[in-house]
Amino acid sequence: MVKSIEFYKITKGQYPDSLLELQASLGQESFTSIYDPTATRTLKSFDAKERPTFFYQLTDDKTHYYLLGVGADQKPFTNDDLIGPH
């Protein structure tokens, strides 16, 4: 997903405001998924419309972002998060 976010920035001049915006720009043939596969394993059941996405948040100056899997507690910035390289 980092590659897709960075490509978005190169082509659009800024990072996407949300993962849904990123997903819409990718097209249906894309293999990039905004859904967190580790979160689906921790939930007993979930509605397909409410599939957990990775946590994505731009910094206030929009020059960096946080991207992480939120873990079993579904809360960002806690000990069970899986943090990406950016």
PDB file of N, CA and C in Angstrom:
ATOM      1  N   MET A   1       0.816  -1.184   0.000  1.00  0.00           N
ATOM      2  CA  MET A   1       0.000   0.000   0.000  1.00  0.00           C
ATOM      3  C   MET A   1       0.865   1.256   0.000  1.00  0.00           C
ATOM      4  N   VAL A   2       2.009   1.205   0.651  1.00  0.00           N
ATOM      5  CA  VAL A   2       2.895   2.374   0.682  1.00  0.00           C
ATOM      6  C   VAL A   2       3.254   2.777  -0.750  1.00  0.00           C
ATOM      7  N   LYS A   3       3.545   1.807  -1.583  1.00  0.00           N
ATOM      8  CA  LYS A   3       3.894   2.097  -2.978  1.00  0.00           C
ATOM      9  C   LYS A   3       2.752   2.836  -3.684  1.00  0.00           C
ATOM     10  N   SER A   4       1.538   2.423  -3.453  1.00  0.00           N
ATOM     11  CA  SER A   4       0.378   3.073  -4.073  1.00  0.00           C
ATOM     12  C   SER A   4       0.177   4.490  -3.526  1.00  0.00           C
ATOM     13  N   ILE A   5       0.386   4.675  -2.239  1.00  0.00           N
ATOM     14  CA  ILE A   5       0.247   6.008  -1.643  1.00  0.00           C
ATOM     15  C   ILE A   5       1.314   6.947  -2.202  1.00  0.00           C
ATOM     16  N   GLU A   6       2.535   6.451  -2.300  1.00  0.00           N
ATOM     17  CA  GLU A   6       3.618   7.282  -2.821  1.00  0.00           C
ATOM     18  C   GLU A   6       3.425   7.584  -4.307  1.00  0.00           C
ATOM     19  N   PHE A   7       2.927   6.618  -5.070  1.00  0.00           N
ATOM     20  CA  PHE A   7       2.643   6.852  -6.482  1.00  0.00           C
ATOM     21  C   PHE A   7       1.539   7.904  -6.635  1.00  0.00           C
ATOM     22  N   TYR A   8       0.539   7.834  -5.779  1.00  0.00           N
ATOM     23  CA  TYR A   8      -0.531   8.828  -5.771  1.00  0.00           C
ATOM     24  C   TYR A   8       0.072  10.226  -5.580  1.00  0.00           C
ATOM     25  N   LYS A   9       0.987  10.346  -4.625  1.00  0.00           N
ATOM     26  CA  LYS A   9       1.605  11.651  -4.363  1.00  0.00           C
ATOM     27  C   LYS A   9       2.395  12.143  -5.574  1.00  0.00           C
ATOM     28  N   ILE A  10       3.128  11.260  -6.202  1.00  0.00           N
ATOM     29  CA  ILE A  10       3.916  11.648  -7.373  1.00  0.00           C
ATOM     30  C   ILE A  10       3.017  12.129  -8.506  1.00  0.00           C
ATOM     31  N   THR A  11       1.914  11.434  -8.726  1.00  0.00           N
ATOM     32  CA  THR A  11       1.040  11.775  -9.850  1.00  0.00           C
ATOM     33  C   THR A  11       0.083  12.923  -9.549  1.00  0.00           C
ATOM     34  N   LYS A  12      -0.304  13.095  -8.295  1.00  0.00           N
ATOM     35  CA  LYS A  12      -1.287  14.128  -7.940  1.00  0.00           C
ATOM     36  C   LYS A  12      -0.685  15.329  -7.204  1.00  0.00           C
ATOM     37  N   GLY A  13       0.569  15.193  -6.765  1.00  0.00           N
ATOM     38  CA  GLY A  13       1.221  16.301  -6.084  1.00  0.00           C
ATOM     39  C   GLY A  13       0.942  16.401  -4.605  1.00  0.00           C
ATOM     40  N   GLN A  14       0.173  15.460  -4.072  1.00  0.00           N
ATOM     41  CA  GLN A  14      -0.140  15.448  -2.638  1.00  0.00           C
ATOM     42  C   GLN A  14      -0.577  14.049  -2.249  1.00  0.00           C
ATOM     43  N   TYR A  15      -0.547  13.774  -0.963  1.00  0.00           N
ATOM     44  CA  TYR A  15      -1.023  12.484  -0.477  1.00  0.00           C
ATOM     45  C   TYR A  15      -2.550  12.464  -0.511  1.00  0.00           C
ATOM     46  N   PRO A  16      -3.152  11.275  -0.643  1.00  0.00           N
ATOM     47  CA  PRO A  16      -4.619  11.216  -0.599  1.00  0.00           C
ATOM     48  C   PRO A  16      -5.124  11.604   0.784  1.00  0.00           C
ATOM     49  N   ASP A  17      -6.310  12.179   0.820  1.00  0.00           N
ATOM     50  CA  ASP A  17      -6.907  12.561   2.105  1.00  0.00           C
ATOM     51  C   ASP A  17      -7.395  11.348   2.885  1.00  0.00           C
ATOM     52  N   SER A  18      -7.692  10.265   2.180  1.00  0.00           N
ATOM     53  CA  SER A  18      -8.206   9.062   2.845  1.00  0.00           C
ATOM     54  C   SER A  18      -7.852   7.832   2.025  1.00  0.00           C
ATOM     55  N   LEU A  19      -8.008   6.663   2.638  1.00  0.00           N
ATOM     56  CA  LEU A  19      -7.779   5.420   1.905  1.00  0.00           C
ATOM     57  C   LEU A  19      -8.864   5.193   0.858  1.00  0.00           C
ATOM     58  N   LEU A  20     -10.064   5.677   1.114  1.00  0.00           N
ATOM     59  CA  LEU A  20     -11.128   5.558   0.111  1.00  0.00           C
ATOM     60  C   LEU A  20     -10.789   6.371  -1.133  1.00  0.00           C
ATOM     61  N   GLU A  21     -10.190   7.545  -0.948  1.00  0.00           N
ATOM     62  CA  GLU A  21      -9.753   8.352  -2.080  1.00  0.00           C
ATOM     63  C   GLU A  21      -8.651   7.623  -2.856  1.00  0.00           C
ATOM     64  N   LEU A  22      -7.734   7.019  -2.134  1.00  0.00           N
ATOM     65  CA  LEU A  22      -6.679   6.228  -2.779  1.00  0.00           C
ATOM     66  C   LEU A  22      -7.287   5.082  -3.571  1.00  0.00           C
ATOM     67  N   GLN A  23      -8.178   4.343  -2.954  1.00  0.00           N
ATOM     68  CA  GLN A  23      -8.803   3.188  -3.603  1.00  0.00           C
ATOM     69  C   GLN A  23      -9.536   3.594  -4.877  1.00  0.00           C
ATOM     70  N   ALA A  24     -10.244   4.709  -4.842  1.00  0.00           N
ATOM     71  CA  ALA A  24     -10.981   5.178  -6.015  1.00  0.00           C
ATOM     72  C   ALA A  24     -10.037   5.514  -7.164  1.00  0.00           C
ATOM     73  N   SER A  25      -8.830   5.950  -6.846  1.00  0.00           N
ATOM     74  CA  SER A  25      -7.871   6.320  -7.885  1.00  0.00           C
ATOM     75  C   SER A  25      -7.183   5.106  -8.504  1.00  0.00           C
ATOM     76  N   LEU A  26      -7.240   3.965  -7.857  1.00  0.00           N
ATOM     77  CA  LEU A  26      -6.498   2.793  -8.304  1.00  0.00           C
ATOM     78  C   LEU A  26      -7.174   2.024  -9.438  1.00  0.00           C
ATOM     79  N   GLY A  27      -8.472   2.052  -9.486  1.00  0.00           N
ATOM     80  CA  GLY A  27      -9.181   1.278 -10.491  1.00  0.00           C
ATOM     81  C   GLY A  27      -9.473  -0.134 -10.012  1.00  0.00           C
ATOM     82  N   GLN A  28     -10.367  -0.788 -10.681  1.00  0.00           N
ATOM     83  CA  GLN A  28     -10.840  -2.109 -10.251  1.00  0.00           C
ATOM     84  C   GLN A  28      -9.816  -3.217 -10.458  1.00  0.00           C
ATOM     85  N   GLU A  29      -8.854  -3.026 -11.339  1.00  0.00           N
ATOM     86  CA  GLU A  29      -7.869  -4.070 -11.617  1.00  0.00           C
ATOM     87  C   GLU A  29      -6.718  -4.077 -10.623  1.00  0.00           C
ATOM     88  N   SER A  30      -6.687  -3.124  -9.717  1.00  0.00           N
ATOM     89  CA  SER A  30      -5.577  -3.002  -8.777  1.00  0.00           C
ATOM     90  C   SER A  30      -5.575  -4.142  -7.762  1.00  0.00           C
ATOM     91  N   PHE A  31      -4.380  -4.567  -7.410  1.00  0.00           N
ATOM     92  CA  PHE A  31      -4.229  -5.590  -6.369  1.00  0.00           C
ATOM     93  C   PHE A  31      -4.029  -4.968  -4.995  1.00  0.00           C
ATOM     94  N   THR A  32      -3.928  -3.648  -4.930  1.00  0.00           N
ATOM     95  CA  THR A  32      -3.761  -2.958  -3.653  1.00  0.00           C
ATOM     96  C   THR A  32      -5.089  -2.943  -2.909  1.00  0.00           C
ATOM     97  N   SER A  33      -5.037  -3.361  -1.662  1.00  0.00           N
ATOM     98  CA  SER A  33      -6.240  -3.388  -0.838  1.00  0.00           C
ATOM     99  C   SER A  33      -6.062  -2.459   0.355  1.00  0.00           C
ATOM    100  N   ILE A  34      -7.100  -1.720   0.662  1.00  0.00           N
ATOM    101  CA  ILE A  34      -7.076  -0.847   1.839  1.00  0.00           C
ATOM    102  C   ILE A  34      -7.544  -1.582   3.092  1.00  0.00           C
ATOM    103  N   TYR A  35      -7.953  -2.837   2.924  1.00  0.00           N
ATOM    104  CA  TYR A  35      -8.486  -3.608   4.048  1.00  0.00           C
ATOM    105  C   TYR A  35      -7.372  -4.348   4.778  1.00  0.00           C
ATOM    106  N   ASP A  36      -7.425  -4.319   6.074  1.00  0.00           N
ATOM    107  CA  ASP A  36      -6.406  -4.925   6.921  1.00  0.00           C
ATOM    108  C   ASP A  36      -6.711  -6.406   7.136  1.00  0.00           C
ATOM    109  N   PRO A  37      -5.963  -7.303   6.497  1.00  0.00           N
ATOM    110  CA  PRO A  37      -6.253  -8.734   6.635  1.00  0.00           C
ATOM    111  C   PRO A  37      -5.980  -9.261   8.034  1.00  0.00           C
ATOM    112  N   THR A  38      -5.104  -8.637   8.780  1.00  0.00           N
ATOM    113  CA  THR A  38      -4.842  -9.094  10.142  1.00  0.00           C
ATOM    114  C   THR A  38      -6.010  -8.772  11.058  1.00  0.00           C
ATOM    115  N   ALA A  39      -6.710  -7.685  10.795  1.00  0.00           N
ATOM    116  CA  ALA A  39      -7.861  -7.316  11.629  1.00  0.00           C
ATOM    117  C   ALA A  39      -9.017  -8.270  11.412  1.00  0.00           C
ATOM    118  N   THR A  40      -9.203  -8.772  10.210  1.00  0.00           N
ATOM    119  CA  THR A  40     -10.325  -9.677   9.955  1.00  0.00           C
ATOM    120  C   THR A  40     -10.158 -10.977  10.718  1.00  0.00           C
ATOM    121  N   ARG A  41      -8.939 -11.380  10.977  1.00  0.00           N
ATOM    122  CA  ARG A  41      -8.716 -12.605  11.733  1.00  0.00           C
ATOM    123  C   ARG A  41      -9.042 -12.433  13.212  1.00  0.00           C
ATOM    124  N   THR A  42      -8.965 -11.199  13.689  1.00  0.00           N
ATOM    125  CA  THR A  42      -9.204 -10.973  15.118  1.00  0.00           C
ATOM    126  C   THR A  42     -10.676 -10.749  15.435  1.00  0.00           C
ATOM    127  N   LEU A  43     -11.470 -10.502  14.417  1.00  0.00           N
ATOM    128  CA  LEU A  43     -12.894 -10.270  14.648  1.00  0.00           C
ATOM    129  C   LEU A  43     -13.662 -11.560  14.417  1.00  0.00           C
ATOM    130  N   LYS A  44     -14.620 -11.844  15.277  1.00  0.00           N
ATOM    131  CA  LYS A  44     -15.393 -13.064  15.129  1.00  0.00           C
ATOM    132  C   LYS A  44     -16.306 -12.999  13.918  1.00  0.00           C
ATOM    133  N   SER A  45     -16.927 -11.863  13.697  1.00  0.00           N
ATOM    134  CA  SER A  45     -17.770 -11.682  12.523  1.00  0.00           C
ATOM    135  C   SER A  45     -17.804 -10.204  12.177  1.00  0.00           C
ATOM    136  N   PHE A  46     -17.983  -9.933  10.908  1.00  0.00           N
ATOM    137  CA  PHE A  46     -18.078  -8.552  10.483  1.00  0.00           C
ATOM    138  C   PHE A  46     -18.884  -8.500   9.204  1.00  0.00           C
ATOM    139  N   ASP A  47     -19.560  -7.390   9.029  1.00  0.00           N
ATOM    140  CA  ASP A  47     -20.315  -7.136   7.815  1.00  0.00           C
ATOM    141  C   ASP A  47     -19.318  -6.756   6.729  1.00  0.00           C
ATOM    142  N   ALA A  48     -19.509  -7.258   5.508  1.00  0.00           N
ATOM    143  CA  ALA A  48     -18.583  -6.962   4.418  1.00  0.00           C
ATOM    144  C   ALA A  48     -18.458  -5.463   4.175  1.00  0.00           C
ATOM    145  N   LYS A  49     -19.506  -4.711   4.441  1.00  0.00           N
ATOM    146  CA  LYS A  49     -19.468  -3.256   4.269  1.00  0.00           C
ATOM    147  C   LYS A  49     -18.617  -2.586   5.338  1.00  0.00           C
ATOM    148  N   GLU A  50     -18.391  -3.270   6.439  1.00  0.00           N
ATOM    149  CA  GLU A  50     -17.652  -2.701   7.554  1.00  0.00           C
ATOM    150  C   GLU A  50     -16.299  -3.386   7.747  1.00  0.00           C
ATOM    151  N   ARG A  51     -15.751  -3.940   6.679  1.00  0.00           N
ATOM    152  CA  ARG A  51     -14.446  -4.585   6.791  1.00  0.00           C
ATOM    153  C   ARG A  51     -13.428  -3.576   7.300  1.00  0.00           C
ATOM    154  N   PRO A  52     -12.611  -3.978   8.239  1.00  0.00           N
ATOM    155  CA  PRO A  52     -11.631  -3.049   8.806  1.00  0.00           C
ATOM    156  C   PRO A  52     -10.571  -2.645   7.775  1.00  0.00           C
ATOM    157  N   THR A  53     -10.323  -1.369   7.673  1.00  0.00           N
ATOM    158  CA  THR A  53      -9.263  -0.868   6.809  1.00  0.00           C
ATOM    159  C   THR A  53      -8.032  -0.584   7.657  1.00  0.00           C
ATOM    160  N   PHE A  54      -6.908  -0.447   6.982  1.00  0.00           N
ATOM    161  CA  PHE A  54      -5.728   0.033   7.678  1.00  0.00           C
ATOM    162  C   PHE A  54      -6.025   1.433   8.209  1.00  0.00           C
ATOM    163  N   PHE A  55      -5.341   1.828   9.256  1.00  0.00           N
ATOM    164  CA  PHE A  55      -5.472   3.177   9.775  1.00  0.00           C
ATOM    165  C   PHE A  55      -4.559   4.065   8.942  1.00  0.00           C
ATOM    166  N   TYR A  56      -5.110   5.144   8.433  1.00  0.00           N
ATOM    167  CA  TYR A  56      -4.349   6.095   7.619  1.00  0.00           C
ATOM    168  C   TYR A  56      -4.720   7.490   8.084  1.00  0.00           C
ATOM    169  N   GLN A  57      -3.699   8.294   8.370  1.00  0.00           N
ATOM    170  CA  GLN A  57      -3.956   9.665   8.805  1.00  0.00           C
ATOM    171  C   GLN A  57      -2.818  10.554   8.330  1.00  0.00           C
ATOM    172  N   LEU A  58      -3.179  11.645   7.678  1.00  0.00           N
ATOM    173  CA  LEU A  58      -2.193  12.641   7.278  1.00  0.00           C
ATOM    174  C   LEU A  58      -1.790  13.481   8.475  1.00  0.00           C
ATOM    175  N   THR A  59      -0.541  13.925   8.481  1.00  0.00           N
ATOM    176  CA  THR A  59      -0.133  14.888   9.507  1.00  0.00           C
ATOM    177  C   THR A  59      -0.803  16.219   9.188  1.00  0.00           C
ATOM    178  N   ASP A  60      -0.825  17.115  10.135  1.00  0.00           N
ATOM    179  CA  ASP A  60      -1.493  18.411   9.944  1.00  0.00           C
ATOM    180  C   ASP A  60      -0.959  19.178   8.738  1.00  0.00           C
ATOM    181  N   ASP A  61       0.343  19.079   8.496  1.00  0.00           N
ATOM    182  CA  ASP A  61       0.920  19.792   7.355  1.00  0.00           C
ATOM    183  C   ASP A  61       0.817  19.003   6.039  1.00  0.00           C
ATOM    184  N   LYS A  62       0.250  17.814   6.103  1.00  0.00           N
ATOM    185  CA  LYS A  62       0.005  16.938   4.940  1.00  0.00           C
ATOM    186  C   LYS A  62       1.272  16.541   4.184  1.00  0.00           C
ATOM    187  N   THR A  63       2.402  16.535   4.883  1.00  0.00           N
ATOM    188  CA  THR A  63       3.653  16.135   4.241  1.00  0.00           C
ATOM    189  C   THR A  63       4.076  14.714   4.614  1.00  0.00           C
ATOM    190  N   HIS A  64       3.431  14.129   5.590  1.00  0.00           N
ATOM    191  CA  HIS A  64       3.692  12.761   6.036  1.00  0.00           C
ATOM    192  C   HIS A  64       2.358  12.119   6.421  1.00  0.00           C
ATOM    193  N   TYR A  65       2.422  10.821   6.652  1.00  0.00           N
ATOM    194  CA  TYR A  65       1.204  10.120   7.051  1.00  0.00           C
ATOM    195  C   TYR A  65       1.537   8.968   7.988  1.00  0.00           C
ATOM    196  N   TYR A  66       0.522   8.537   8.704  1.00  0.00           N
ATOM    197  CA  TYR A  66       0.602   7.336   9.522  1.00  0.00           C
ATOM    198  C   TYR A  66      -0.180   6.257   8.804  1.00  0.00           C
ATOM    199  N   LEU A  67       0.405   5.072   8.714  1.00  0.00           N
ATOM    200  CA  LEU A  67      -0.261   3.917   8.123  1.00  0.00           C
ATOM    201  C   LEU A  67       0.036   2.725   9.017  1.00  0.00           C
ATOM    202  N   LEU A  68      -0.998   2.120   9.548  1.00  0.00           N
ATOM    203  CA  LEU A  68      -0.772   0.984  10.430  1.00  0.00           C
ATOM    204  C   LEU A  68      -1.991   0.088  10.514  1.00  0.00           C
ATOM    205  N   GLY A  69      -1.737  -1.152  10.911  1.00  0.00           N
ATOM    206  CA  GLY A  69      -2.801  -2.075  11.269  1.00  0.00           C
ATOM    207  C   GLY A  69      -3.069  -1.878  12.747  1.00  0.00           C
ATOM    208  N   VAL A  70      -4.303  -1.737  13.113  1.00  0.00           N
ATOM    209  CA  VAL A  70      -4.625  -1.360  14.492  1.00  0.00           C
ATOM    210  C   VAL A  70      -4.661  -2.512  15.483  1.00  0.00           C
ATOM    211  N   GLY A  71      -4.524  -3.727  15.034  1.00  0.00           N
ATOM    212  CA  GLY A  71      -4.496  -4.853  15.958  1.00  0.00           C
ATOM    213  C   GLY A  71      -5.868  -5.207  16.507  1.00  0.00           C
ATOM    214  N   ALA A  72      -5.858  -6.115  17.443  1.00  0.00           N
ATOM    215  CA  ALA A  72      -7.108  -6.676  17.978  1.00  0.00           C
ATOM    216  C   ALA A  72      -7.990  -5.655  18.677  1.00  0.00           C
ATOM    217  N   ASP A  73      -7.381  -4.645  19.292  1.00  0.00           N
ATOM    218  CA  ASP A  73      -8.205  -3.676  20.015  1.00  0.00           C
ATOM    219  C   ASP A  73      -8.866  -2.646  19.099  1.00  0.00           C
ATOM    220  N   GLN A  74      -8.482  -2.642  17.808  1.00  0.00           N
ATOM    221  CA  GLN A  74      -9.051  -1.728  16.815  1.00  0.00           C
ATOM    222  C   GLN A  74      -8.835  -0.257  17.155  1.00  0.00           C
ATOM    223  N   LYS A  75      -7.776   0.048  17.919  1.00  0.00           N
ATOM    224  CA  LYS A  75      -7.459   1.421  18.302  1.00  0.00           C
ATOM    225  C   LYS A  75      -6.055   1.746  17.815  1.00  0.00           C
ATOM    226  N   PRO A  76      -5.889   2.903  17.142  1.00  0.00           N
ATOM    227  CA  PRO A  76      -4.552   3.257  16.677  1.00  0.00           C
ATOM    228  C   PRO A  76      -3.637   3.720  17.815  1.00  0.00           C
ATOM    229  N   PHE A  77      -2.345   3.522  17.592  1.00  0.00           N
ATOM    230  CA  PHE A  77      -1.285   3.976  18.498  1.00  0.00           C
ATOM    231  C   PHE A  77      -1.306   3.275  19.852  1.00  0.00           C
ATOM    232  N   THR A  78      -1.608   1.973  19.829  1.00  0.00           N
ATOM    233  CA  THR A  78      -1.518   1.156  21.034  1.00  0.00           C
ATOM    234  C   THR A  78      -0.485   0.061  20.799  1.00  0.00           C
ATOM    235  N   ASN A  79      -0.195  -0.715  21.805  1.00  0.00           N
ATOM    236  CA  ASN A  79       0.888  -1.705  21.739  1.00  0.00           C
ATOM    237  C   ASN A  79       0.688  -2.822  20.726  1.00  0.00           C
ATOM    238  N   ASP A  80      -0.529  -3.098  20.312  1.00  0.00           N
ATOM    239  CA  ASP A  80      -0.739  -4.217  19.393  1.00  0.00           C
ATOM    240  C   ASP A  80      -0.765  -3.791  17.914  1.00  0.00           C
ATOM    241  N   ASP A  81      -0.432  -2.552  17.622  1.00  0.00           N
ATOM    242  CA  ASP A  81      -0.459  -2.059  16.238  1.00  0.00           C
ATOM    243  C   ASP A  81       0.680  -2.631  15.413  1.00  0.00           C
ATOM    244  N   LEU A  82       0.439  -2.747  14.120  1.00  0.00           N
ATOM    245  CA  LEU A  82       1.472  -3.099  13.148  1.00  0.00           C
ATOM    246  C   LEU A  82       1.773  -1.822  12.372  1.00  0.00           C
ATOM    247  N   ILE A  83       2.939  -1.271  12.577  1.00  0.00           N
ATOM    248  CA  ILE A  83       3.267   0.032  12.022  1.00  0.00           C
ATOM    249  C   ILE A  83       4.067  -0.117  10.741  1.00  0.00           C
ATOM    250  N   GLY A  84       3.641   0.635   9.717  1.00  0.00           N
ATOM    251  CA  GLY A  84       4.329   0.638   8.431  1.00  0.00           C
ATOM    252  C   GLY A  84       5.576   1.497   8.464  1.00  0.00           C
ATOM    253  N   PRO A  85       6.295   1.515   7.356  1.00  0.00           N
ATOM    254  CA  PRO A  85       7.588   2.191   7.309  1.00  0.00           C
ATOM    255  C   PRO A  85       7.525   3.691   7.159  1.00  0.00           C
ATOM    256  N   HIS A  86       6.357   4.310   7.081  1.00  0.00           N
ATOM    257  CA  HIS A  86       6.301   5.739   6.826  1.00  0.00           C
ATOM    258  C   HIS A  86       5.823   6.510   8.018  1.00  0.00           C
TER     259      HIS A  86
END
